[in-house]
N, C-alpha and C. Protein backbone atom coordinates (compact mmCIF):
# COMPACT_ATOMS: atom_id res chain seq x y z
N UNK A 1 -26.69 51.16 -45.12
CA UNK A 1 -28.07 51.58 -45.18
C UNK A 1 -28.12 52.94 -45.86
N UNK A 2 -29.05 53.09 -46.71
CA UNK A 2 -29.27 54.35 -47.40
C UNK A 2 -29.79 55.39 -46.41
N UNK A 3 -29.09 56.52 -46.19
CA UNK A 3 -29.54 57.52 -45.22
C UNK A 3 -30.88 58.14 -45.59
N UNK A 4 -31.32 57.97 -46.81
CA UNK A 4 -32.59 58.51 -47.26
C UNK A 4 -33.77 57.59 -46.90
N UNK A 5 -33.46 56.34 -46.52
CA UNK A 5 -34.54 55.38 -46.26
C UNK A 5 -35.24 55.69 -44.95
N UNK A 6 -36.47 55.19 -44.82
CA UNK A 6 -37.22 55.40 -43.59
C UNK A 6 -36.57 54.66 -42.42
N UNK A 7 -35.86 53.57 -42.71
CA UNK A 7 -35.19 52.83 -41.63
C UNK A 7 -34.11 53.67 -40.96
N UNK A 8 -33.50 54.58 -41.69
CA UNK A 8 -32.46 55.43 -41.11
C UNK A 8 -33.04 56.41 -40.09
N UNK A 9 -34.34 56.63 -40.12
CA UNK A 9 -34.99 57.55 -39.19
C UNK A 9 -35.57 56.86 -37.97
N UNK A 10 -35.36 55.56 -37.86
CA UNK A 10 -35.91 54.80 -36.75
C UNK A 10 -34.87 54.71 -35.64
N UNK A 11 -35.25 55.12 -34.44
CA UNK A 11 -34.35 55.05 -33.29
C UNK A 11 -34.47 53.68 -32.62
N UNK A 12 -33.34 53.10 -32.25
CA UNK A 12 -33.33 51.90 -31.43
C UNK A 12 -33.43 52.36 -29.99
N UNK A 13 -34.43 51.90 -29.26
CA UNK A 13 -34.68 52.40 -27.91
C UNK A 13 -34.31 51.41 -26.81
N UNK A 14 -33.79 50.27 -27.16
CA UNK A 14 -33.37 49.29 -26.16
C UNK A 14 -33.19 47.94 -26.80
N UNK A 15 -32.75 46.99 -26.00
CA UNK A 15 -32.61 45.63 -26.51
C UNK A 15 -32.77 44.66 -25.34
N UNK A 16 -33.01 43.42 -25.68
CA UNK A 16 -33.12 42.36 -24.69
C UNK A 16 -32.46 41.12 -25.27
N UNK A 17 -31.90 40.32 -24.40
CA UNK A 17 -31.33 39.04 -24.80
C UNK A 17 -32.43 38.00 -24.64
N UNK A 18 -32.67 37.22 -25.68
CA UNK A 18 -33.68 36.17 -25.64
C UNK A 18 -32.94 34.84 -25.54
N UNK A 19 -33.21 34.11 -24.46
CA UNK A 19 -32.47 32.88 -24.17
C UNK A 19 -33.41 31.69 -24.03
N UNK A 20 -33.01 30.58 -24.61
CA UNK A 20 -33.70 29.31 -24.40
C UNK A 20 -32.97 28.58 -23.28
N UNK A 21 -33.73 28.14 -22.27
CA UNK A 21 -33.13 27.43 -21.15
C UNK A 21 -33.90 26.14 -20.88
N UNK A 22 -33.24 25.19 -20.25
CA UNK A 22 -33.90 23.93 -19.91
C UNK A 22 -34.68 24.03 -18.62
N UNK A 23 -34.20 24.82 -17.67
CA UNK A 23 -34.82 24.91 -16.35
C UNK A 23 -35.05 26.38 -16.01
N UNK A 24 -36.26 26.85 -16.23
CA UNK A 24 -36.60 28.26 -16.04
C UNK A 24 -36.36 28.71 -14.60
N UNK A 25 -36.75 27.90 -13.64
CA UNK A 25 -36.59 28.29 -12.23
C UNK A 25 -35.11 28.45 -11.87
N UNK A 26 -34.26 27.54 -12.33
CA UNK A 26 -32.82 27.64 -12.04
C UNK A 26 -32.22 28.87 -12.68
N UNK A 27 -32.64 29.19 -13.90
CA UNK A 27 -32.11 30.38 -14.58
C UNK A 27 -32.58 31.65 -13.88
N UNK A 28 -33.85 31.71 -13.52
CA UNK A 28 -34.37 32.88 -12.80
C UNK A 28 -33.58 33.09 -11.52
N UNK A 29 -33.36 32.02 -10.77
CA UNK A 29 -32.61 32.09 -9.52
C UNK A 29 -31.18 32.60 -9.76
N UNK A 30 -30.52 32.08 -10.78
CA UNK A 30 -29.15 32.50 -11.10
C UNK A 30 -29.09 34.00 -11.39
N UNK A 31 -29.96 34.48 -12.26
CA UNK A 31 -29.91 35.89 -12.64
C UNK A 31 -30.28 36.81 -11.48
N UNK A 32 -31.17 36.38 -10.62
CA UNK A 32 -31.52 37.18 -9.43
C UNK A 32 -30.38 37.17 -8.42
N UNK A 33 -29.91 36.00 -8.06
CA UNK A 33 -28.95 35.83 -6.97
C UNK A 33 -27.55 36.29 -7.34
N UNK A 34 -27.09 35.91 -8.53
CA UNK A 34 -25.70 36.18 -8.92
C UNK A 34 -25.54 37.56 -9.54
N UNK A 35 -26.48 37.98 -10.39
CA UNK A 35 -26.31 39.23 -11.13
C UNK A 35 -27.29 40.34 -10.73
N UNK A 36 -28.22 40.05 -9.85
CA UNK A 36 -29.10 41.10 -9.34
C UNK A 36 -30.23 41.52 -10.25
N UNK A 37 -30.59 40.69 -11.23
CA UNK A 37 -31.75 41.00 -12.07
C UNK A 37 -33.02 40.79 -11.25
N UNK A 38 -34.11 41.46 -11.65
CA UNK A 38 -35.39 41.24 -10.98
C UNK A 38 -36.39 40.71 -11.99
N UNK A 39 -37.23 39.82 -11.51
CA UNK A 39 -38.29 39.23 -12.31
C UNK A 39 -39.38 40.28 -12.47
N UNK A 40 -39.75 40.59 -13.70
CA UNK A 40 -40.76 41.60 -13.97
C UNK A 40 -42.19 41.08 -13.76
N UNK A 41 -42.32 39.82 -13.39
CA UNK A 41 -43.63 39.23 -13.06
C UNK A 41 -44.64 39.35 -14.21
N UNK A 42 -44.19 39.11 -15.42
CA UNK A 42 -45.07 39.11 -16.59
C UNK A 42 -45.77 37.76 -16.65
N UNK A 43 -47.07 37.77 -16.81
CA UNK A 43 -47.85 36.53 -16.88
C UNK A 43 -47.74 35.94 -18.27
N UNK A 44 -46.75 35.09 -18.47
CA UNK A 44 -46.52 34.43 -19.75
C UNK A 44 -45.97 33.03 -19.44
N UNK A 45 -46.82 32.01 -19.47
CA UNK A 45 -46.37 30.66 -19.12
C UNK A 45 -45.14 30.24 -19.94
N UNK A 46 -44.15 29.69 -19.23
CA UNK A 46 -42.93 29.23 -19.88
C UNK A 46 -41.90 30.31 -20.12
N UNK A 47 -42.19 31.52 -19.67
CA UNK A 47 -41.28 32.65 -19.88
C UNK A 47 -41.01 33.38 -18.57
N UNK A 48 -39.86 34.01 -18.51
CA UNK A 48 -39.52 34.90 -17.41
C UNK A 48 -38.85 36.13 -18.03
N UNK A 49 -39.40 37.29 -17.73
CA UNK A 49 -38.86 38.55 -18.23
C UNK A 49 -38.17 39.23 -17.06
N UNK A 50 -36.89 39.57 -17.24
CA UNK A 50 -36.10 40.12 -16.14
C UNK A 50 -35.42 41.40 -16.58
N UNK A 51 -35.05 42.21 -15.59
CA UNK A 51 -34.37 43.47 -15.89
C UNK A 51 -33.45 43.86 -14.75
N UNK A 52 -32.33 44.44 -15.12
CA UNK A 52 -31.45 45.15 -14.19
C UNK A 52 -30.95 46.37 -14.92
N UNK A 53 -31.27 47.53 -14.38
CA UNK A 53 -30.91 48.80 -15.01
C UNK A 53 -31.38 48.79 -16.47
N UNK A 54 -30.48 49.00 -17.42
CA UNK A 54 -30.88 49.07 -18.83
C UNK A 54 -30.83 47.72 -19.53
N UNK A 55 -30.50 46.65 -18.81
CA UNK A 55 -30.38 45.32 -19.42
C UNK A 55 -31.65 44.51 -19.17
N UNK A 56 -32.15 43.89 -20.23
CA UNK A 56 -33.35 43.05 -20.13
C UNK A 56 -33.04 41.66 -20.64
N UNK A 57 -33.71 40.69 -20.06
CA UNK A 57 -33.61 39.29 -20.47
C UNK A 57 -35.01 38.75 -20.69
N UNK A 58 -35.18 37.99 -21.76
CA UNK A 58 -36.42 37.26 -22.03
C UNK A 58 -36.00 35.79 -22.04
N UNK A 59 -36.35 35.07 -21.00
CA UNK A 59 -35.88 33.70 -20.83
C UNK A 59 -37.05 32.76 -21.05
N UNK A 60 -36.90 31.87 -22.02
CA UNK A 60 -37.95 30.91 -22.34
C UNK A 60 -37.53 29.49 -22.01
N UNK A 61 -38.43 28.76 -21.37
CA UNK A 61 -38.14 27.37 -21.02
C UNK A 61 -38.34 26.49 -22.25
N UNK A 62 -37.25 25.87 -22.69
CA UNK A 62 -37.24 25.03 -23.89
C UNK A 62 -36.51 23.72 -23.56
N UNK A 63 -37.16 22.81 -22.87
CA UNK A 63 -36.47 21.60 -22.40
C UNK A 63 -35.92 20.72 -23.51
N UNK A 64 -36.43 20.85 -24.73
CA UNK A 64 -35.96 20.02 -25.84
C UNK A 64 -34.87 20.69 -26.66
N UNK A 65 -34.52 21.93 -26.35
CA UNK A 65 -33.52 22.66 -27.14
C UNK A 65 -32.12 22.11 -26.89
N UNK A 66 -31.24 22.32 -27.84
CA UNK A 66 -29.84 21.96 -27.69
C UNK A 66 -29.29 22.74 -26.49
N UNK A 67 -28.61 22.09 -25.56
CA UNK A 67 -28.04 22.83 -24.44
C UNK A 67 -27.05 23.89 -24.91
N UNK A 68 -27.12 25.07 -24.31
CA UNK A 68 -26.23 26.16 -24.71
C UNK A 68 -24.77 25.74 -24.63
N UNK A 69 -24.41 24.94 -23.64
CA UNK A 69 -23.03 24.49 -23.48
C UNK A 69 -22.54 23.66 -24.65
N UNK A 70 -23.47 23.08 -25.42
CA UNK A 70 -23.09 22.26 -26.58
C UNK A 70 -22.83 23.09 -27.83
N UNK A 71 -22.99 24.40 -27.74
CA UNK A 71 -22.81 25.24 -28.93
C UNK A 71 -21.43 25.90 -28.99
N UNK A 72 -20.53 25.49 -28.10
CA UNK A 72 -19.15 26.00 -28.13
C UNK A 72 -19.10 27.51 -27.95
N UNK A 73 -18.33 28.16 -28.80
CA UNK A 73 -18.17 29.61 -28.69
C UNK A 73 -19.47 30.36 -28.92
N UNK A 74 -20.45 29.73 -29.52
CA UNK A 74 -21.75 30.38 -29.74
C UNK A 74 -22.54 30.52 -28.44
N UNK A 75 -22.06 29.90 -27.37
CA UNK A 75 -22.77 30.02 -26.09
C UNK A 75 -22.50 31.37 -25.42
N UNK A 76 -21.51 32.14 -25.92
CA UNK A 76 -21.35 33.52 -25.44
C UNK A 76 -22.50 34.33 -26.01
N UNK A 77 -23.27 34.97 -25.16
CA UNK A 77 -24.40 35.72 -25.67
C UNK A 77 -24.38 37.19 -25.28
N UNK A 78 -23.54 37.59 -24.32
CA UNK A 78 -23.59 38.99 -23.89
C UNK A 78 -22.26 39.44 -23.33
N UNK A 79 -22.03 40.73 -23.48
CA UNK A 79 -20.97 41.43 -22.77
C UNK A 79 -21.69 42.55 -22.04
N UNK A 80 -21.79 42.40 -20.72
CA UNK A 80 -22.46 43.42 -19.90
C UNK A 80 -21.42 44.43 -19.42
N UNK A 81 -21.65 45.70 -19.71
CA UNK A 81 -20.80 46.78 -19.21
C UNK A 81 -21.36 47.21 -17.86
N UNK A 82 -20.49 47.26 -16.84
CA UNK A 82 -20.91 47.59 -15.48
C UNK A 82 -20.02 48.68 -14.91
N UNK A 83 -20.42 49.21 -13.76
CA UNK A 83 -19.64 50.26 -13.11
C UNK A 83 -18.77 49.73 -11.98
N UNK A 84 -18.97 48.49 -11.55
CA UNK A 84 -18.21 47.95 -10.42
C UNK A 84 -17.97 46.45 -10.64
N UNK A 85 -17.09 46.12 -11.58
CA UNK A 85 -16.84 44.72 -11.93
C UNK A 85 -16.31 43.91 -10.74
N UNK A 86 -15.43 44.49 -9.93
CA UNK A 86 -14.85 43.75 -8.81
C UNK A 86 -15.92 43.33 -7.81
N UNK A 87 -16.87 44.21 -7.54
CA UNK A 87 -17.93 43.89 -6.59
C UNK A 87 -18.84 42.80 -7.15
N UNK A 88 -19.16 42.89 -8.43
CA UNK A 88 -20.00 41.87 -9.04
C UNK A 88 -19.27 40.52 -9.09
N UNK A 89 -17.97 40.56 -9.36
CA UNK A 89 -17.16 39.35 -9.36
C UNK A 89 -17.17 38.70 -7.97
N UNK A 90 -16.98 39.51 -6.93
CA UNK A 90 -16.99 38.99 -5.56
C UNK A 90 -18.33 38.34 -5.23
N UNK A 91 -19.42 38.97 -5.66
CA UNK A 91 -20.75 38.39 -5.41
C UNK A 91 -20.91 37.08 -6.17
N UNK A 92 -20.47 37.05 -7.42
CA UNK A 92 -20.59 35.82 -8.22
C UNK A 92 -19.82 34.68 -7.54
N UNK A 93 -18.63 34.98 -7.04
CA UNK A 93 -17.86 33.95 -6.33
C UNK A 93 -18.59 33.50 -5.06
N UNK A 94 -19.09 34.46 -4.28
CA UNK A 94 -19.77 34.14 -3.03
C UNK A 94 -21.02 33.30 -3.27
N UNK A 95 -21.68 33.50 -4.41
CA UNK A 95 -22.90 32.77 -4.73
C UNK A 95 -22.61 31.44 -5.43
N UNK A 96 -21.34 31.12 -5.61
CA UNK A 96 -20.97 29.84 -6.19
C UNK A 96 -21.13 29.75 -7.69
N UNK A 97 -21.16 30.90 -8.37
CA UNK A 97 -21.27 30.89 -9.84
C UNK A 97 -20.01 30.27 -10.45
N UNK A 98 -20.17 29.65 -11.60
CA UNK A 98 -19.02 29.08 -12.30
C UNK A 98 -18.27 30.20 -13.03
N UNK A 99 -17.12 30.54 -12.52
CA UNK A 99 -16.28 31.57 -13.12
C UNK A 99 -15.40 30.89 -14.17
N UNK A 100 -15.45 31.36 -15.40
CA UNK A 100 -14.63 30.73 -16.45
C UNK A 100 -13.48 31.62 -16.89
N UNK A 101 -13.46 32.86 -16.41
CA UNK A 101 -12.32 33.75 -16.60
C UNK A 101 -12.28 34.64 -15.37
N UNK A 102 -11.18 34.61 -14.62
CA UNK A 102 -11.12 35.43 -13.41
C UNK A 102 -11.04 36.92 -13.75
N UNK A 103 -11.39 37.72 -12.76
CA UNK A 103 -11.32 39.17 -12.92
C UNK A 103 -9.89 39.58 -13.22
N UNK A 104 -9.71 40.34 -14.29
CA UNK A 104 -8.38 40.84 -14.65
C UNK A 104 -8.49 42.08 -15.51
N UNK A 105 -7.44 42.90 -15.44
CA UNK A 105 -7.35 44.09 -16.29
C UNK A 105 -6.76 43.68 -17.62
N UNK A 106 -7.42 44.10 -18.69
CA UNK A 106 -6.99 43.74 -20.04
C UNK A 106 -6.35 44.93 -20.74
N UNK A 107 -5.51 44.63 -21.72
CA UNK A 107 -4.79 45.67 -22.45
C UNK A 107 -5.73 46.57 -23.26
N UNK A 108 -6.96 46.12 -23.51
CA UNK A 108 -7.92 46.93 -24.26
C UNK A 108 -8.71 47.86 -23.35
N UNK A 109 -8.26 48.02 -22.09
CA UNK A 109 -8.85 49.03 -21.22
C UNK A 109 -10.06 48.59 -20.43
N UNK A 110 -10.24 47.27 -20.28
CA UNK A 110 -11.39 46.76 -19.53
C UNK A 110 -10.93 45.89 -18.37
N UNK A 111 -11.61 46.01 -17.24
CA UNK A 111 -11.48 45.08 -16.12
C UNK A 111 -12.65 44.13 -16.30
N UNK A 112 -12.36 42.83 -16.55
CA UNK A 112 -13.44 41.94 -16.93
C UNK A 112 -13.28 40.53 -16.36
N UNK A 113 -14.41 39.82 -16.36
CA UNK A 113 -14.44 38.41 -16.00
C UNK A 113 -15.56 37.75 -16.79
N UNK A 114 -15.57 36.42 -16.75
CA UNK A 114 -16.61 35.68 -17.46
C UNK A 114 -17.16 34.59 -16.55
N UNK A 115 -18.43 34.29 -16.75
CA UNK A 115 -19.06 33.21 -16.00
C UNK A 115 -19.98 32.43 -16.90
N UNK A 116 -20.38 31.26 -16.38
CA UNK A 116 -21.28 30.37 -17.12
C UNK A 116 -22.57 30.22 -16.32
N UNK A 117 -23.71 30.29 -17.00
CA UNK A 117 -25.01 30.13 -16.35
C UNK A 117 -25.30 28.64 -16.15
N UNK A 118 -26.33 28.31 -15.38
CA UNK A 118 -26.67 26.90 -15.19
C UNK A 118 -26.97 26.16 -16.50
N UNK A 119 -27.43 26.88 -17.52
CA UNK A 119 -27.72 26.23 -18.80
C UNK A 119 -26.54 26.24 -19.76
N UNK A 120 -25.40 26.78 -19.33
CA UNK A 120 -24.21 26.76 -20.18
C UNK A 120 -24.00 28.00 -21.02
N UNK A 121 -24.87 29.01 -20.89
CA UNK A 121 -24.61 30.27 -21.58
C UNK A 121 -23.41 30.93 -20.91
N UNK A 122 -22.59 31.60 -21.70
CA UNK A 122 -21.42 32.29 -21.15
C UNK A 122 -21.62 33.80 -21.28
N UNK A 123 -21.20 34.52 -20.25
CA UNK A 123 -21.37 35.97 -20.17
C UNK A 123 -20.03 36.60 -19.84
N UNK A 124 -19.67 37.66 -20.56
CA UNK A 124 -18.52 38.50 -20.20
C UNK A 124 -19.07 39.72 -19.49
N UNK A 125 -18.38 40.16 -18.44
CA UNK A 125 -18.77 41.34 -17.69
C UNK A 125 -17.54 42.22 -17.58
N UNK A 126 -17.69 43.49 -17.97
CA UNK A 126 -16.52 44.36 -17.96
C UNK A 126 -16.83 45.78 -17.54
N UNK A 127 -15.78 46.43 -17.05
CA UNK A 127 -15.83 47.82 -16.61
C UNK A 127 -14.66 48.55 -17.24
N UNK A 128 -14.88 49.72 -17.84
CA UNK A 128 -13.76 50.50 -18.34
C UNK A 128 -12.81 50.85 -17.20
N UNK A 129 -11.51 50.63 -17.42
CA UNK A 129 -10.53 50.90 -16.37
C UNK A 129 -10.35 52.40 -16.17
N UNK A 130 -10.26 53.13 -17.24
CA UNK A 130 -10.12 54.58 -17.18
C UNK A 130 -11.22 55.23 -18.01
N UNK A 131 -12.45 55.26 -17.46
CA UNK A 131 -13.56 55.81 -18.26
C UNK A 131 -13.31 57.27 -18.62
N UNK A 132 -13.70 57.60 -19.82
CA UNK A 132 -13.54 58.99 -20.30
C UNK A 132 -14.42 59.92 -19.50
N UNK A 133 -13.87 61.07 -19.18
CA UNK A 133 -14.41 62.16 -18.52
C UNK A 133 -15.67 62.26 -17.91
């Protein structure tokens, strides 16, 4: 990008993951129960807007869409950085979430695990093992 352009002066102030799901109620329940997101109660039929700390989700019910699980590696949509991966992993296990990679320390300095949502989306969750200062 040209540093002289007006786009270079635009600050990115946040982001949200936009997901197509087959069953909105099941997805809302998963994100609330397993990961602690809260429903922002936005009045938008067919949509659920959720947030936990700085992470936002815009979940749209799309019953005719290709299931996320059918997209292979493209079903990974997020890497959430957290401060307590072991606690979140324990909660995910207790809530019966499908764990697809157990909690482990990686050589790249992250303690991480992966899970699959009811619609087949895959999420990586990680915590820096030795966070800088």
